[in-house]
């Protein structure tokens, strides 16, 4: 089964003007949104072409702000940068910020193509604990990144171009939130909105009926083993399931999604293991009040950062001693947090039993 990298190698010499936008192109752009462009963007007054990033490739300074390496991210980025199809895209309006109060990790950029195509991309979660904390906050509040995503779209969606909006993971949630809240005039500029395995809107926080407003323009894509994209699952009519070259939670990575002759390699249903896991998470969230969600998220990330770590990578470097400190801090937390931590495994076991019963009844 081909992957995004194979697609770039196969179609990379053909500009968009000769071969229109495919779903596979959105996967490539979703990955490109994780490029750390700060080294060449800061102090630059003119728009950049993606091929201008070739210097970072040559110097070995190309950084991809994604957790979980080993899926060839750098090779994919380098191939896209060197290609005619993607390398000629103009980068505009790059924003990348992380701050702790309130927890905010937000990044967005626009790609413009000479024939009049434009793509607005929201980055997903990077390696920072701040980013992961803000992800968890969608379960009890509107986040600062959601607010910034709407402001960004309002400012940069301009008439006269054919616009596509997309985001992967957290970026998918931002694309969903922003498009649901755009003015009618701005929404009319979007030809299609892509939600790439991104969570939906928390019903206790927002009016999920707003999703129906964008349904005709929206395409939701998730891998066979989908967990992140099933949290507060958005109800989108055009929802597709794509095969992956890896297993389990690693399927969340766009780099693993299958391509078949330039189109997505689709399958008909989600992996049974992810089905019961998602049922357990839904039950776990349903039984947790808004107030308890606030307490749990605050105490969880206080424990994770107790040893001074600011990123997921730094957590791993802390080794056994670091994880023992985290565990000790969690055990010293409130009854709410201790109970919440034990409830999820119990819900998972319960859902697994229910799944086995249903299978035996078939």
Foldseek 3Di string as FASTA:
>chain_A
DDFLQVLCVVCQQPACVRPPDAPSVQLLVQQVQQKDCVVPPPPDDDWDFLLVCVVCVVVVNTDGQAPDDDLCSSVSSNSQCPGPHRRRWTKDDWDFDADVVPLDTWTWIKTADPVFEMEIETHQAGFFLSRVLQLLCLQQEDGPRLVVLLVVLVPPQDPPGQYEYEHAAQRLQSQQSNLLPDDPVSVVSYQAYERELYDYHHVVYDPLVSSVVCQVRYAYEYELQHARCLHNNRDHPRYFYFYFPDDHPVSSRSRGTDDDPNHGHTDDHHDPLSVLLNQLVVVLSVPADSVLSVQQSVQLSCLLCVVPDGGPVVCVVVPPVSVVSSVVSQVVGDPSNVVSVVSSVVSSVVSVVVVVVVVVVD
